[in-house]
N, C-alpha and C. Protein backbone atom coordinates (compact mmCIF):
# COMPACT_ATOMS: atom_id res chain seq x y z
N MET A 1 65.68 -161.08 -85.91
CA MET A 1 64.36 -160.92 -85.31
C MET A 1 64.27 -159.64 -84.39
N LYS A 2 63.14 -158.97 -84.53
CA LYS A 2 63.02 -157.72 -83.72
C LYS A 2 62.55 -158.09 -82.40
N THR A 3 62.98 -157.30 -81.38
CA THR A 3 62.61 -157.50 -80.06
C THR A 3 61.45 -156.48 -79.82
N VAL A 4 60.78 -156.74 -78.74
CA VAL A 4 59.65 -155.97 -78.23
C VAL A 4 60.16 -154.47 -77.99
N LYS A 5 61.36 -154.32 -77.53
CA LYS A 5 61.90 -153.01 -77.21
C LYS A 5 62.00 -152.10 -78.59
N GLU A 6 62.45 -152.87 -79.63
CA GLU A 6 62.41 -152.27 -80.93
C GLU A 6 61.13 -151.76 -81.49
N TYR A 7 60.12 -152.58 -81.30
CA TYR A 7 58.75 -152.24 -81.66
C TYR A 7 58.21 -151.09 -80.90
N LYS A 8 58.42 -151.23 -79.58
CA LYS A 8 57.99 -150.19 -78.68
C LYS A 8 58.61 -148.80 -79.09
N LYS A 9 59.91 -148.78 -79.41
CA LYS A 9 60.64 -147.61 -79.81
C LYS A 9 59.91 -147.02 -81.08
N ARG A 10 59.66 -147.91 -82.00
CA ARG A 10 58.96 -147.39 -83.28
C ARG A 10 57.62 -146.90 -82.97
N ILE A 11 56.86 -147.52 -82.14
CA ILE A 11 55.52 -147.14 -81.70
C ILE A 11 55.57 -145.77 -81.09
N ASP A 12 56.51 -145.54 -80.24
CA ASP A 12 56.59 -144.26 -79.51
C ASP A 12 56.90 -143.20 -80.52
N LYS A 13 57.83 -143.37 -81.42
CA LYS A 13 58.01 -142.32 -82.55
C LYS A 13 56.81 -142.12 -83.33
N LEU A 14 56.13 -143.05 -83.80
CA LEU A 14 54.91 -142.81 -84.41
C LEU A 14 53.75 -142.04 -83.70
N ARG A 15 53.71 -142.36 -82.36
CA ARG A 15 52.74 -141.63 -81.45
C ARG A 15 53.03 -140.18 -81.34
N SER A 16 54.33 -139.93 -81.39
CA SER A 16 54.72 -138.55 -81.22
C SER A 16 54.56 -137.74 -82.57
N LYS A 17 54.65 -138.38 -83.74
CA LYS A 17 54.31 -137.78 -84.94
C LYS A 17 52.83 -137.53 -85.06
N ILE A 18 51.95 -138.48 -84.56
CA ILE A 18 50.43 -138.33 -84.56
C ILE A 18 50.18 -137.12 -83.75
N ILE A 19 50.74 -136.98 -82.51
CA ILE A 19 50.46 -135.81 -81.57
C ILE A 19 50.85 -134.64 -82.22
N LYS A 20 51.90 -134.52 -83.03
CA LYS A 20 52.30 -133.34 -83.71
C LYS A 20 51.31 -132.89 -84.79
N ILE A 21 50.82 -133.95 -85.52
CA ILE A 21 49.85 -133.69 -86.63
C ILE A 21 48.55 -133.21 -85.93
N GLN A 22 48.07 -133.89 -84.93
CA GLN A 22 46.85 -133.47 -84.24
C GLN A 22 46.90 -132.00 -83.67
N SER A 23 48.08 -131.66 -83.21
CA SER A 23 48.15 -130.42 -82.54
C SER A 23 48.10 -129.28 -83.70
N LYS A 24 48.51 -129.56 -84.87
CA LYS A 24 48.45 -128.54 -85.91
C LYS A 24 47.19 -128.62 -86.69
N CYS A 25 46.33 -129.61 -86.60
CA CYS A 25 45.04 -129.78 -87.26
C CYS A 25 44.08 -128.62 -86.80
N LEU A 26 43.39 -128.16 -87.79
CA LEU A 26 42.38 -127.21 -87.45
C LEU A 26 41.04 -127.71 -86.96
N HIS A 27 40.89 -129.00 -87.13
CA HIS A 27 39.67 -129.68 -86.82
C HIS A 27 38.40 -129.09 -87.55
N ASP A 28 38.49 -128.75 -88.90
CA ASP A 28 37.44 -128.16 -89.53
C ASP A 28 36.59 -129.12 -90.12
N ARG A 29 36.84 -130.35 -90.20
CA ARG A 29 35.89 -131.58 -90.75
C ARG A 29 35.73 -132.51 -89.62
N GLY A 30 34.57 -132.56 -89.07
CA GLY A 30 34.44 -133.51 -87.97
C GLY A 30 32.89 -133.96 -87.71
N GLU A 31 32.81 -134.85 -86.81
CA GLU A 31 31.56 -135.45 -86.55
C GLU A 31 31.17 -135.21 -85.04
N TYR A 32 29.97 -134.63 -84.89
CA TYR A 32 29.53 -134.31 -83.51
C TYR A 32 28.45 -135.30 -83.17
N SER A 33 28.46 -135.81 -81.84
CA SER A 33 27.36 -136.63 -81.49
C SER A 33 27.05 -136.03 -80.01
N TYR A 34 25.73 -135.88 -79.75
CA TYR A 34 25.38 -135.19 -78.49
C TYR A 34 24.87 -136.23 -77.58
N GLY A 35 25.26 -136.12 -76.23
CA GLY A 35 24.83 -137.00 -75.25
C GLY A 35 24.43 -136.37 -73.97
N SER A 36 23.60 -137.09 -73.15
CA SER A 36 23.03 -136.49 -72.00
C SER A 36 22.95 -137.56 -70.92
N ASN A 37 22.86 -137.14 -69.79
CA ASN A 37 22.54 -138.00 -68.64
C ASN A 37 21.47 -137.26 -67.77
N THR A 38 20.17 -137.56 -68.05
CA THR A 38 19.08 -136.84 -67.53
C THR A 38 18.16 -137.70 -66.76
N GLY A 39 17.15 -137.26 -66.01
CA GLY A 39 16.18 -137.98 -65.39
C GLY A 39 16.62 -138.31 -63.93
N ASN A 40 17.66 -137.62 -63.41
CA ASN A 40 18.03 -137.89 -62.12
C ASN A 40 17.02 -137.30 -61.08
N TYR A 41 17.06 -137.84 -59.90
CA TYR A 41 16.26 -137.38 -58.93
C TYR A 41 16.47 -135.89 -58.61
N ASP A 42 17.77 -135.47 -58.71
CA ASP A 42 18.06 -134.09 -58.45
C ASP A 42 18.47 -133.46 -59.79
N PRO A 43 17.65 -132.61 -60.45
CA PRO A 43 18.01 -132.13 -61.80
C PRO A 43 19.18 -131.37 -61.90
N SER A 44 19.90 -130.99 -60.80
CA SER A 44 21.02 -130.19 -60.81
C SER A 44 22.23 -131.29 -61.16
N CYS A 45 21.88 -132.52 -61.15
CA CYS A 45 22.92 -133.59 -61.56
C CYS A 45 22.85 -133.93 -63.00
N ASP A 46 21.96 -133.46 -63.63
CA ASP A 46 21.76 -133.71 -65.21
C ASP A 46 22.99 -133.08 -65.84
N SER A 47 23.56 -133.89 -66.88
CA SER A 47 24.55 -133.32 -67.63
C SER A 47 24.37 -133.59 -69.05
N TYR A 48 25.10 -132.69 -69.91
CA TYR A 48 24.93 -132.69 -71.29
C TYR A 48 26.37 -132.55 -71.81
N TRP A 49 26.68 -133.34 -72.98
CA TRP A 49 28.01 -133.15 -73.61
C TRP A 49 27.98 -133.35 -74.95
N VAL A 50 29.11 -132.98 -75.75
CA VAL A 50 29.16 -133.20 -77.14
C VAL A 50 30.56 -133.98 -77.29
N ASP A 51 30.40 -135.17 -78.02
CA ASP A 51 31.71 -135.83 -78.52
C ASP A 51 31.97 -135.38 -79.94
N PHE A 52 33.15 -135.08 -80.11
CA PHE A 52 33.62 -134.62 -81.38
C PHE A 52 34.85 -135.62 -81.98
N LYS A 53 34.77 -135.94 -83.22
CA LYS A 53 35.86 -136.72 -83.84
C LYS A 53 36.21 -136.08 -85.10
N CYS A 54 37.49 -135.63 -85.25
CA CYS A 54 37.98 -134.96 -86.41
C CYS A 54 38.17 -136.03 -87.56
N HIS A 55 37.70 -135.59 -88.81
CA HIS A 55 37.85 -136.57 -89.86
C HIS A 55 39.30 -136.56 -90.42
N ASP A 56 40.06 -135.46 -90.15
CA ASP A 56 41.39 -135.30 -90.75
C ASP A 56 42.42 -136.06 -89.85
N CYS A 57 42.46 -135.72 -88.65
CA CYS A 57 43.55 -136.13 -87.84
C CYS A 57 43.04 -137.28 -86.74
N LEU A 58 41.76 -137.62 -86.78
CA LEU A 58 41.16 -138.61 -86.00
C LEU A 58 41.17 -138.48 -84.48
N GLU A 59 41.56 -137.15 -84.02
CA GLU A 59 41.46 -136.81 -82.67
C GLU A 59 39.94 -136.88 -82.22
N THR A 60 39.78 -137.32 -80.95
CA THR A 60 38.48 -137.21 -80.45
C THR A 60 38.54 -136.29 -79.17
N MET A 61 37.42 -135.60 -78.94
CA MET A 61 37.40 -134.68 -77.77
C MET A 61 35.92 -134.73 -77.30
N MET A 62 35.81 -134.36 -75.96
CA MET A 62 34.51 -134.26 -75.33
C MET A 62 34.38 -132.93 -74.65
N TYR A 63 33.31 -132.37 -74.88
CA TYR A 63 33.04 -131.03 -74.27
C TYR A 63 31.72 -131.10 -73.40
N TYR A 64 31.78 -130.64 -72.29
CA TYR A 64 30.55 -130.65 -71.43
C TYR A 64 29.84 -129.17 -71.53
N SER A 65 28.45 -129.19 -71.60
CA SER A 65 27.84 -128.08 -71.86
C SER A 65 27.92 -126.91 -70.76
N ASP A 66 28.22 -127.33 -69.58
CA ASP A 66 28.38 -126.34 -68.50
C ASP A 66 29.77 -125.66 -68.56
N SER A 67 30.81 -126.26 -69.12
CA SER A 67 32.00 -125.58 -69.09
C SER A 67 32.36 -125.06 -70.47
N ASP A 68 31.57 -125.37 -71.61
CA ASP A 68 31.89 -124.83 -72.93
C ASP A 68 30.56 -124.46 -73.60
N SER A 69 29.83 -123.47 -72.91
CA SER A 69 28.55 -123.08 -73.29
C SER A 69 28.58 -122.28 -74.64
N ASN A 70 29.70 -121.65 -75.08
CA ASN A 70 29.64 -120.84 -76.26
C ASN A 70 30.33 -121.46 -77.33
N ASP A 71 30.68 -122.70 -77.34
CA ASP A 71 31.27 -123.54 -78.44
C ASP A 71 32.68 -123.00 -78.83
N ASP A 72 33.44 -122.24 -77.95
CA ASP A 72 34.74 -121.72 -78.35
C ASP A 72 35.77 -122.92 -78.65
N ASN A 73 35.53 -124.04 -78.03
CA ASN A 73 36.63 -125.10 -78.06
C ASN A 73 36.49 -126.04 -79.24
N TYR A 74 35.34 -125.92 -79.95
CA TYR A 74 35.11 -126.91 -81.06
C TYR A 74 36.04 -126.75 -82.21
N ARG A 75 36.58 -125.52 -82.47
CA ARG A 75 37.42 -125.34 -83.52
C ARG A 75 38.55 -124.44 -83.23
N LYS A 76 39.71 -124.54 -83.84
CA LYS A 76 40.83 -123.72 -83.47
C LYS A 76 40.89 -122.41 -84.23
N TYR A 77 39.87 -122.10 -84.83
CA TYR A 77 39.81 -120.88 -85.64
C TYR A 77 38.30 -120.38 -85.59
N SER A 78 38.10 -119.16 -86.15
CA SER A 78 36.65 -118.67 -86.02
C SER A 78 35.81 -119.47 -86.95
N ASN A 79 34.54 -119.53 -86.70
CA ASN A 79 33.45 -120.21 -87.42
C ASN A 79 33.50 -119.64 -88.81
N ASP A 80 33.76 -120.48 -89.87
CA ASP A 80 33.76 -120.00 -91.26
C ASP A 80 32.53 -120.71 -91.89
N SER A 81 31.75 -119.98 -92.72
CA SER A 81 30.62 -120.56 -93.24
C SER A 81 30.84 -121.65 -94.22
N LYS A 82 32.06 -121.74 -94.79
CA LYS A 82 32.39 -122.78 -95.75
C LYS A 82 32.60 -124.12 -95.09
N TYR A 83 32.86 -124.07 -93.81
CA TYR A 83 32.95 -125.43 -93.08
C TYR A 83 31.56 -125.75 -92.34
N LYS A 84 31.14 -126.90 -92.56
CA LYS A 84 29.90 -127.28 -92.03
C LYS A 84 30.08 -128.47 -91.01
N ARG A 85 29.19 -128.38 -89.94
CA ARG A 85 29.26 -129.53 -89.05
C ARG A 85 28.57 -130.72 -89.59
N ILE A 86 29.18 -131.73 -89.28
CA ILE A 86 28.59 -133.15 -89.59
C ILE A 86 28.02 -133.73 -88.31
N GLU A 87 26.74 -133.87 -88.13
CA GLU A 87 26.10 -134.41 -86.93
C GLU A 87 25.63 -135.73 -87.15
N ARG A 88 25.78 -136.67 -86.19
CA ARG A 88 25.10 -137.94 -86.39
C ARG A 88 24.20 -138.13 -85.18
């Protein structure tokens, strides 16, 4: 019978493999959803963000509009016209 320690060791190995795969992924196929928190009394407190989920490696990321205004972080390579955004 396997112990919890053995299962945890296997899980940790699989997690490290997933992290390696995600770090090499180009994130060229993904789904974007746009969110906002507006209508605050102070308009300077309004915020906008984009949630991204890669279809290939299943990594999820969140980008705030004030810190990533030119979309540099959405892909790990230049914008290529053969790859299209999937928005929901």
